[in-house]
Amino acid sequence: DEFPFSDARKIPVDDKKVFSLFGSTEAINVKPEDIDSDVASYAVPEFGTTFVRQMLIDTRPTTFAGLVKISGLSHGTDVWLGNAKELVNGTTDYGTIGFDKIIGCRDDIMIYLIDKGVAASLAFKIMESVRKGKGLSIDQEELLLQHQIPSWFIESCKKIKYLFPKAHATAYVIMALRISWFKVHRPIYYYAAYFSKRAKEFDAEAFAMGKNAIRNRIIEIESKIQKHEDVSNKEIDLLDELKIALEMTLRGYTFKQ
């Protein structure tokens, strides 16, 4: 089909079907159990790794801002694991903190503190200290307590080692949504581009033999991992490509033999 936009930058970033890829597999008409994933973000830049797909499952973002936060969390250090994840899951003494409230990008700190009455210059300095992994000084922590900033927020700031900028995260999300448009509306182009440009490893024989062969190869590698047998880096990289190939074949497309 002819590409309906005169410029790739005109691809919408609010397409409901495209957005649904980050919360379900309905848009690609594949059952979650068939691709071993509750979301359909395989091969989507920034959102296709096991780590980020699990993050999507844990948080179920429903807005553009939510995806931006996911991008920030995935690029930060000590921001999600051992920090925000526990707050969202309610496994800390602070109870369950809503996903929309947790710190995802460095800007979240400054904007929140200004909203709570902290002077902009001080809010900026605190943001800079936290995003560089320097935590909070005694004076800064005292200032936050004076402004009745929640204890969970203060403790979260202390754990962070690096925070991603929101503008950068936003650019990644826009790119991901535009590329995802092809996954929904022009899937054969999407998979052709991925396996031509991005795939790290190939098993041409399994790919060409179709979904059963691909699934058997996945089971073989995952079984070795579970049994703690020697698994090469090539096999680990191949595992991701096999899952993307399986998704493609389940959608009715094939690799030419």
C-alpha atoms as a PDB file:
ATOM      1  CA  ASP A   1       0.000   0.000   0.000  1.00  0.00           C
ATOM      2  CA  GLU A   2       1.071   3.560  -0.654  1.00  0.00           C
ATOM      3  CA  PHE A   3       2.466   5.414   2.345  1.00  0.00           C
ATOM      4  CA  PRO A   4      -0.335   7.811   3.354  1.00  0.00           C
ATOM      5  CA  PHE A   5       1.881  10.632   4.643  1.00  0.00           C
ATOM      6  CA  SER A   6       3.999  13.050   2.645  1.00  0.00           C
ATOM      7  CA  ASP A   7       6.543  13.165   5.466  1.00  0.00           C
ATOM      8  CA  ALA A   8       7.421  10.532   8.077  1.00  0.00           C
ATOM      9  CA  ARG A   9       7.269  13.281  10.696  1.00  0.00           C
ATOM     10  CA  LYS A  10       3.538  13.521  10.029  1.00  0.00           C
ATOM     11  CA  ILE A  11       2.906   9.981  11.271  1.00  0.00           C
ATOM     12  CA  PRO A  12       0.520  10.466  14.224  1.00  0.00           C
ATOM     13  CA  VAL A  13       1.687   9.741  17.751  1.00  0.00           C
ATOM     14  CA  ASP A  14      -1.838   9.367  19.119  1.00  0.00           C
ATOM     15  CA  ASP A  15      -3.025   6.366  17.091  1.00  0.00           C
ATOM     16  CA  LYS A  16      -5.006   4.238  19.553  1.00  0.00           C
ATOM     17  CA  LYS A  17      -4.050   0.919  17.958  1.00  0.00           C
ATOM     18  CA  VAL A  18      -0.384   1.859  17.951  1.00  0.00           C
ATOM     19  CA  PHE A  19      -0.563   3.002  21.555  1.00  0.00           C
ATOM     20  CA  SER A  20      -2.194  -0.288  22.558  1.00  0.00           C
ATOM     21  CA  LEU A  21       0.980  -2.201  21.596  1.00  0.00           C
ATOM     22  CA  PHE A  22       2.474  -1.102  24.925  1.00  0.00           C
ATOM     23  CA  GLY A  23      -0.355  -2.606  26.943  1.00  0.00           C
ATOM     24  CA  SER A  24      -1.638  -5.640  25.053  1.00  0.00           C
ATOM     25  CA  THR A  25      -1.237  -7.795  21.939  1.00  0.00           C
ATOM     26  CA  GLU A  26      -4.733  -7.145  20.624  1.00  0.00           C
ATOM     27  CA  ALA A  27      -3.667  -4.781  17.820  1.00  0.00           C
ATOM     28  CA  ILE A  28      -1.483  -7.428  16.175  1.00  0.00           C
ATOM     29  CA  ASN A  29      -4.122 -10.149  16.642  1.00  0.00           C
ATOM     30  CA  VAL A  30      -1.781 -12.529  18.465  1.00  0.00           C
ATOM     31  CA  LYS A  31      -2.420 -14.174  21.833  1.00  0.00           C
ATOM     32  CA  PRO A  32       0.000 -13.198  24.639  1.00  0.00           C
ATOM     33  CA  GLU A  33       0.766 -16.835  25.446  1.00  0.00           C
ATOM     34  CA  ASP A  34       1.771 -17.498  21.826  1.00  0.00           C
ATOM     35  CA  ILE A  35       4.577 -14.918  21.923  1.00  0.00           C
ATOM     36  CA  ASP A  36       5.325 -15.158  25.662  1.00  0.00           C
ATOM     37  CA  SER A  37       4.546 -11.484  26.199  1.00  0.00           C
ATOM     38  CA  ASP A  38       1.544  -9.537  27.479  1.00  0.00           C
ATOM     39  CA  VAL A  39       2.591  -6.540  25.386  1.00  0.00           C
ATOM     40  CA  ALA A  40       3.359  -6.263  21.667  1.00  0.00           C
ATOM     41  CA  SER A  41       6.488  -4.121  21.772  1.00  0.00           C
ATOM     42  CA  TYR A  42       8.944  -6.702  20.421  1.00  0.00           C
ATOM     43  CA  ALA A  43      11.454  -4.950  18.129  1.00  0.00           C
ATOM     44  CA  VAL A  44      10.129  -1.480  18.980  1.00  0.00           C
ATOM     45  CA  PRO A  45      13.171   0.731  19.644  1.00  0.00           C
ATOM     46  CA  GLU A  46      13.627   1.426  23.367  1.00  0.00           C
ATOM     47  CA  PHE A  47      10.620  -0.724  24.308  1.00  0.00           C
ATOM     48  CA  GLY A  48      11.452  -4.188  22.969  1.00  0.00           C
ATOM     49  CA  THR A  49      13.891  -5.557  25.532  1.00  0.00           C
ATOM     50  CA  THR A  50      12.851  -8.023  28.203  1.00  0.00           C
ATOM     51  CA  PHE A  51      13.608  -5.409  30.869  1.00  0.00           C
ATOM     52  CA  VAL A  52      11.413  -2.690  29.380  1.00  0.00           C
ATOM     53  CA  ARG A  53       8.595  -5.055  28.380  1.00  0.00           C
ATOM     54  CA  GLN A  54       8.419  -6.231  31.988  1.00  0.00           C
ATOM     55  CA  MET A  55       8.359  -2.602  33.089  1.00  0.00           C
ATOM     56  CA  LEU A  56       5.397  -1.984  30.788  1.00  0.00           C
ATOM     57  CA  ILE A  57       3.614  -4.999  32.289  1.00  0.00           C
ATOM     58  CA  ASP A  58       4.348  -3.823  35.839  1.00  0.00           C
ATOM     59  CA  THR A  59       3.109  -0.266  35.267  1.00  0.00           C
ATOM     60  CA  ARG A  60       0.562  -0.449  32.423  1.00  0.00           C
ATOM     61  CA  PRO A  61       1.057   3.149  31.223  1.00  0.00           C
ATOM     62  CA  THR A  62      -2.013   4.566  29.468  1.00  0.00           C
ATOM     63  CA  THR A  63      -0.736   7.979  28.387  1.00  0.00           C
ATOM     64  CA  PHE A  64       2.032   9.501  26.295  1.00  0.00           C
ATOM     65  CA  ALA A  65       3.484  10.893  29.523  1.00  0.00           C
ATOM     66  CA  GLY A  66       3.497   7.373  30.934  1.00  0.00           C
ATOM     67  CA  LEU A  67       5.618   6.115  28.044  1.00  0.00           C
ATOM     68  CA  VAL A  68       7.994   9.044  28.527  1.00  0.00           C
ATOM     69  CA  LYS A  69       8.339   8.054  32.176  1.00  0.00           C
ATOM     70  CA  ILE A  70       9.069   4.452  31.147  1.00  0.00           C
ATOM     71  CA  SER A  71      11.796   5.723  28.818  1.00  0.00           C
ATOM     72  CA  GLY A  72      13.307   7.783  31.621  1.00  0.00           C
ATOM     73  CA  LEU A  73      13.159   4.893  34.068  1.00  0.00           C
ATOM     74  CA  SER A  74      14.784   2.481  31.627  1.00  0.00           C
ATOM     75  CA  HIS A  75      17.720   4.817  30.954  1.00  0.00           C
ATOM     76  CA  GLY A  76      18.318   5.854  34.538  1.00  0.00           C
ATOM     77  CA  THR A  77      20.515   4.131  37.101  1.00  0.00           C
ATOM     78  CA  ASP A  78      18.975   2.942  40.383  1.00  0.00           C
ATOM     79  CA  VAL A  79      15.749   4.686  39.405  1.00  0.00           C
ATOM     80  CA  TRP A  80      13.473   1.689  38.765  1.00  0.00           C
ATOM     81  CA  LEU A  81      15.012  -1.471  40.221  1.00  0.00           C
ATOM     82  CA  GLY A  82      15.434  -1.193  43.973  1.00  0.00           C
ATOM     83  CA  ASN A  83      13.619   2.115  43.932  1.00  0.00           C
ATOM     84  CA  ALA A  84      10.472   3.119  42.009  1.00  0.00           C
ATOM     85  CA  LYS A  85       9.487  -0.480  41.268  1.00  0.00           C
ATOM     86  CA  GLU A  86       9.082  -1.200  44.972  1.00  0.00           C
ATOM     87  CA  LEU A  87       7.087   2.001  45.455  1.00  0.00           C
ATOM     88  CA  VAL A  88       4.677   1.115  42.640  1.00  0.00           C
ATOM     89  CA  ASN A  89       4.332  -2.473  43.844  1.00  0.00           C
ATOM     90  CA  GLY A  90       3.657  -1.327  47.395  1.00  0.00           C
ATOM     91  CA  THR A  91       6.465  -3.397  48.914  1.00  0.00           C
ATOM     92  CA  THR A  92       7.902  -0.550  51.002  1.00  0.00           C
ATOM     93  CA  ASP A  93       6.770   1.014  54.279  1.00  0.00           C
ATOM     94  CA  TYR A  94       5.242   3.871  52.291  1.00  0.00           C
ATOM     95  CA  GLY A  95       2.415   1.818  50.831  1.00  0.00           C
ATOM     96  CA  THR A  96       1.571   1.863  47.119  1.00  0.00           C
ATOM     97  CA  ILE A  97       2.675   4.998  45.284  1.00  0.00           C
ATOM     98  CA  GLY A  98       0.935   5.693  41.961  1.00  0.00           C
ATOM     99  CA  PHE A  99       2.989   5.309  38.799  1.00  0.00           C
ATOM    100  CA  ASP A 100       2.169   8.895  37.840  1.00  0.00           C
ATOM    101  CA  LYS A 101       3.831  10.163  41.032  1.00  0.00           C
ATOM    102  CA  ILE A 102       7.198   8.367  40.929  1.00  0.00           C
ATOM    103  CA  ILE A 103      10.378   9.983  39.627  1.00  0.00           C
ATOM    104  CA  GLY A 104      11.148   8.950  36.048  1.00  0.00           C
ATOM    105  CA  CYS A 105      13.144  11.805  34.537  1.00  0.00           C
ATOM    106  CA  ARG A 106      15.283  14.537  36.083  1.00  0.00           C
ATOM    107  CA  ASP A 107      12.678  17.189  35.210  1.00  0.00           C
ATOM    108  CA  ASP A 108      10.112  15.393  37.392  1.00  0.00           C
ATOM    109  CA  ILE A 109      12.042  16.492  40.474  1.00  0.00           C
ATOM    110  CA  MET A 110      12.328  20.182  39.640  1.00  0.00           C
ATOM    111  CA  ILE A 111       8.735  20.560  38.426  1.00  0.00           C
ATOM    112  CA  TYR A 112       7.338  18.741  41.469  1.00  0.00           C
ATOM    113  CA  LEU A 113       9.376  20.767  43.948  1.00  0.00           C
ATOM    114  CA  ILE A 114       8.441  24.076  42.337  1.00  0.00           C
ATOM    115  CA  ASP A 115       4.798  23.018  42.477  1.00  0.00           C
ATOM    116  CA  LYS A 116       5.263  22.384  46.209  1.00  0.00           C
ATOM    117  CA  GLY A 117       6.592  25.890  46.778  1.00  0.00           C
ATOM    118  CA  VAL A 118      10.355  25.330  46.621  1.00  0.00           C
ATOM    119  CA  ALA A 119      12.155  28.248  44.969  1.00  0.00           C
ATOM    120  CA  ALA A 120      12.980  27.495  41.332  1.00  0.00           C
ATOM    121  CA  SER A 121      16.730  28.028  41.801  1.00  0.00           C
ATOM    122  CA  LEU A 122      16.829  25.608  44.744  1.00  0.00           C
ATOM    123  CA  ALA A 123      14.611  23.079  42.971  1.00  0.00           C
ATOM    124  CA  PHE A 124      17.031  23.162  40.027  1.00  0.00           C
ATOM    125  CA  LYS A 125      20.061  22.625  42.280  1.00  0.00           C
ATOM    126  CA  ILE A 126      18.372  19.688  43.990  1.00  0.00           C
ATOM    127  CA  MET A 127      17.475  18.170  40.632  1.00  0.00           C
ATOM    128  CA  GLU A 128      21.072  18.532  39.437  1.00  0.00           C
ATOM    129  CA  SER A 129      22.451  16.947  42.597  1.00  0.00           C
ATOM    130  CA  VAL A 130      20.108  13.964  42.376  1.00  0.00           C
ATOM    131  CA  ARG A 131      20.431  13.359  38.641  1.00  0.00           C
ATOM    132  CA  LYS A 132      24.233  13.234  38.991  1.00  0.00           C
ATOM    133  CA  GLY A 133      23.966  10.656  41.773  1.00  0.00           C
ATOM    134  CA  LYS A 134      25.064  12.998  44.541  1.00  0.00           C
ATOM    135  CA  GLY A 135      21.841  12.618  46.495  1.00  0.00           C
ATOM    136  CA  LEU A 136      20.684  15.324  48.908  1.00  0.00           C
ATOM    137  CA  SER A 137      22.733  17.434  51.264  1.00  0.00           C
ATOM    138  CA  ILE A 138      21.580  17.827  54.873  1.00  0.00           C
ATOM    139  CA  ASP A 139      20.367  21.351  54.082  1.00  0.00           C
ATOM    140  CA  GLN A 140      18.513  20.200  50.986  1.00  0.00           C
ATOM    141  CA  GLU A 141      16.771  17.405  52.852  1.00  0.00           C
ATOM    142  CA  GLU A 142      15.787  19.810  55.624  1.00  0.00           C
ATOM    143  CA  LEU A 143      14.363  22.178  52.991  1.00  0.00           C
ATOM    144  CA  LEU A 144      12.251  19.374  51.507  1.00  0.00           C
ATOM    145  CA  LEU A 145      10.922  18.418  54.923  1.00  0.00           C
ATOM    146  CA  GLN A 146       9.977  22.067  55.559  1.00  0.00           C
ATOM    147  CA  HIS A 147       7.922  21.982  52.365  1.00  0.00           C
ATOM    148  CA  GLN A 148       6.264  18.723  53.460  1.00  0.00           C
ATOM    149  CA  ILE A 149       7.741  16.670  50.643  1.00  0.00           C
ATOM    150  CA  PRO A 150       6.795  12.993  51.262  1.00  0.00           C
ATOM    151  CA  SER A 151       9.421  10.745  52.844  1.00  0.00           C
ATOM    152  CA  TRP A 152       9.171   8.256  49.960  1.00  0.00           C
ATOM    153  CA  PHE A 153      10.134  11.007  47.501  1.00  0.00           C
ATOM    154  CA  ILE A 154      13.146  12.024  49.591  1.00  0.00           C
ATOM    155  CA  GLU A 155      14.332   8.427  49.977  1.00  0.00           C
ATOM    156  CA  SER A 156      13.890   7.814  46.254  1.00  0.00           C
ATOM    157  CA  CYS A 157      16.098  10.831  45.497  1.00  0.00           C
ATOM    158  CA  LYS A 158      18.834   9.453  47.757  1.00  0.00           C
ATOM    159  CA  LYS A 159      18.973   6.145  45.858  1.00  0.00           C
ATOM    160  CA  ILE A 160      19.241   7.572  42.336  1.00  0.00           C
ATOM    161  CA  LYS A 161      22.633   7.436  40.621  1.00  0.00           C
ATOM    162  CA  TYR A 162      21.655   8.908  37.252  1.00  0.00           C
ATOM    163  CA  LEU A 163      18.489  10.440  35.770  1.00  0.00           C
ATOM    164  CA  PHE A 164      17.602  10.803  32.091  1.00  0.00           C
ATOM    165  CA  PRO A 165      16.392  14.182  30.691  1.00  0.00           C
ATOM    166  CA  LYS A 166      12.688  14.299  29.805  1.00  0.00           C
ATOM    167  CA  ALA A 167      13.294  15.962  26.411  1.00  0.00           C
ATOM    168  CA  HIS A 168      15.502  13.053  25.355  1.00  0.00           C
ATOM    169  CA  ALA A 169      12.983  10.511  26.636  1.00  0.00           C
ATOM    170  CA  THR A 170      10.199  12.314  24.756  1.00  0.00           C
ATOM    171  CA  ALA A 171      12.176  12.167  21.501  1.00  0.00           C
ATOM    172  CA  TYR A 172      12.654   8.419  21.973  1.00  0.00           C
ATOM    173  CA  VAL A 173       8.932   7.889  22.548  1.00  0.00           C
ATOM    174  CA  ILE A 174       7.943   9.902  19.475  1.00  0.00           C
ATOM    175  CA  MET A 175      10.366   7.839  17.394  1.00  0.00           C
ATOM    176  CA  ALA A 176       9.060   4.595  18.884  1.00  0.00           C
ATOM    177  CA  LEU A 177       5.435   5.519  18.201  1.00  0.00           C
ATOM    178  CA  ARG A 178       6.138   6.454  14.591  1.00  0.00           C
ATOM    179  CA  ILE A 179       8.019   3.239  13.954  1.00  0.00           C
ATOM    180  CA  SER A 180       5.274   1.305  15.739  1.00  0.00           C
ATOM    181  CA  TRP A 181       2.759   2.764  13.297  1.00  0.00           C
ATOM    182  CA  PHE A 182       4.291   0.454  10.684  1.00  0.00           C
ATOM    183  CA  LYS A 183       4.016  -2.546  13.001  1.00  0.00           C
ATOM    184  CA  VAL A 184       0.254  -2.022  13.114  1.00  0.00           C
ATOM    185  CA  HIS A 185      -0.533  -0.590   9.687  1.00  0.00           C
ATOM    186  CA  ARG A 186       2.302  -1.823   7.414  1.00  0.00           C
ATOM    187  CA  PRO A 187       3.621  -4.909   9.237  1.00  0.00           C
ATOM    188  CA  ILE A 188       5.513  -6.541   6.371  1.00  0.00           C
ATOM    189  CA  TYR A 189       7.557  -3.369   5.888  1.00  0.00           C
ATOM    190  CA  TYR A 190       8.170  -3.247   9.613  1.00  0.00           C
ATOM    191  CA  TYR A 191       9.543  -6.791   9.866  1.00  0.00           C
ATOM    192  CA  ALA A 192      11.457  -6.509   6.595  1.00  0.00           C
ATOM    193  CA  ALA A 193      13.185  -3.373   7.842  1.00  0.00           C
ATOM    194  CA  TYR A 194      13.927  -4.928  11.222  1.00  0.00           C
ATOM    195  CA  PHE A 195      15.485  -8.117   9.899  1.00  0.00           C
ATOM    196  CA  SER A 196      17.375  -6.195   7.213  1.00  0.00           C
ATOM    197  CA  LYS A 197      18.864  -3.559   9.502  1.00  0.00           C
ATOM    198  CA  ARG A 198      18.517  -4.370  13.200  1.00  0.00           C
ATOM    199  CA  ALA A 199      18.614  -8.104  13.839  1.00  0.00           C
ATOM    200  CA  LYS A 200      21.827  -9.230  15.535  1.00  0.00           C
ATOM    201  CA  GLU A 201      21.606 -12.945  14.729  1.00  0.00           C
ATOM    202  CA  PHE A 202      19.805 -15.248  12.288  1.00  0.00           C
ATOM    203  CA  ASP A 203      18.799 -18.878  12.104  1.00  0.00           C
ATOM    204  CA  ALA A 204      17.843 -18.907   8.441  1.00  0.00           C
ATOM    205  CA  GLU A 205      16.787 -22.561   8.515  1.00  0.00           C
ATOM    206  CA  ALA A 206      14.420 -22.180  11.483  1.00  0.00           C
ATOM    207  CA  PHE A 207      13.078 -18.874  10.162  1.00  0.00           C
ATOM    208  CA  ALA A 208      12.278 -20.383   6.773  1.00  0.00           C
ATOM    209  CA  MET A 209      10.667 -23.510   8.250  1.00  0.00           C
ATOM    210  CA  GLY A 210       8.031 -21.431  10.026  1.00  0.00           C
ATOM    211  CA  LYS A 211       6.437 -21.005  13.427  1.00  0.00           C
ATOM    212  CA  ASN A 212       6.835 -24.563  14.752  1.00  0.00           C
ATOM    213  CA  ALA A 213      10.548 -24.683  13.957  1.00  0.00           C
ATOM    214  CA  ILE A 214      11.039 -21.210  15.412  1.00  0.00           C
ATOM    215  CA  ARG A 215       9.154 -22.126  18.579  1.00  0.00           C
ATOM    216  CA  ASN A 216      11.191 -25.319  18.991  1.00  0.00           C
ATOM    217  CA  ARG A 217      14.411 -23.340  18.677  1.00  0.00           C
ATOM    218  CA  ILE A 218      13.205 -20.918  21.348  1.00  0.00           C
ATOM    219  CA  ILE A 219      12.361 -23.806  23.676  1.00  0.00           C
ATOM    220  CA  GLU A 220      15.781 -25.341  23.050  1.00  0.00           C
ATOM    221  CA  ILE A 221      17.701 -22.210  24.024  1.00  0.00           C
ATOM    222  CA  GLU A 222      15.460 -21.348  26.985  1.00  0.00           C
ATOM    223  CA  SER A 223      15.784 -24.902  28.279  1.00  0.00           C
ATOM    224  CA  LYS A 224      19.573 -24.576  28.250  1.00  0.00           C
ATOM    225  CA  ILE A 225      19.319 -21.316  30.174  1.00  0.00           C
ATOM    226  CA  GLN A 226      16.981 -22.822  32.779  1.00  0.00           C
ATOM    227  CA  LYS A 227      19.286 -25.832  33.235  1.00  0.00           C
ATOM    228  CA  HIS A 228      22.289 -23.513  33.610  1.00  0.00           C
ATOM    229  CA  GLU A 229      23.986 -25.121  30.656  1.00  0.00           C
ATOM    230  CA  ASP A 230      26.531 -23.245  28.573  1.00  0.00           C
ATOM    231  CA  VAL A 231      24.768 -20.749  26.337  1.00  0.00           C
ATOM    232  CA  SER A 232      26.755 -18.681  23.857  1.00  0.00           C
ATOM    233  CA  ASN A 233      26.293 -14.950  23.397  1.00  0.00           C
ATOM    234  CA  LYS A 234      25.170 -15.751  19.872  1.00  0.00           C
ATOM    235  CA  GLU A 235      22.348 -17.928  21.210  1.00  0.00           C
ATOM    236  CA  ILE A 236      21.281 -15.246  23.682  1.00  0.00           C
ATOM    237  CA  ASP A 237      21.109 -12.668  20.887  1.00  0.00           C
ATOM    238  CA  LEU A 238      19.348 -15.171  18.650  1.00  0.00           C
ATOM    239  CA  LEU A 239      16.646 -15.780  21.260  1.00  0.00           C
ATOM    240  CA  ASP A 240      15.298 -12.248  20.870  1.00  0.00           C
ATOM    241  CA  GLU A 241      15.325 -12.503  17.080  1.00  0.00           C
ATOM    242  CA  LEU A 242      13.509 -15.846  17.216  1.00  0.00           C
ATOM    243  CA  LYS A 243      10.724 -14.319  19.286  1.00  0.00           C
ATOM    244  CA  ILE A 244      10.316 -11.476  16.823  1.00  0.00           C
ATOM    245  CA  ALA A 245      10.337 -13.957  13.929  1.00  0.00           C
ATOM    246  CA  LEU A 246       7.713 -16.044  15.716  1.00  0.00           C
ATOM    247  CA  GLU A 247       5.499 -13.008  16.158  1.00  0.00           C
ATOM    248  CA  MET A 248       5.882 -12.208  12.466  1.00  0.00           C
ATOM    249  CA  THR A 249       4.944 -15.715  11.328  1.00  0.00           C
ATOM    250  CA  LEU A 250       1.964 -15.821  13.689  1.00  0.00           C
ATOM    251  CA  ARG A 251       0.707 -12.714  11.917  1.00  0.00           C
ATOM    252  CA  GLY A 252       0.709 -14.615   8.635  1.00  0.00           C
ATOM    253  CA  TYR A 253       4.036 -13.592   7.112  1.00  0.00           C
ATOM    254  CA  THR A 254       6.860 -15.932   6.125  1.00  0.00           C
ATOM    255  CA  PHE A 255      10.554 -15.931   5.321  1.00  0.00           C
ATOM    256  CA  LYS A 256      11.241 -16.983   1.750  1.00  0.00           C
ATOM    257  CA  GLN A 257      13.277 -20.186   1.498  1.00  0.00           C
END
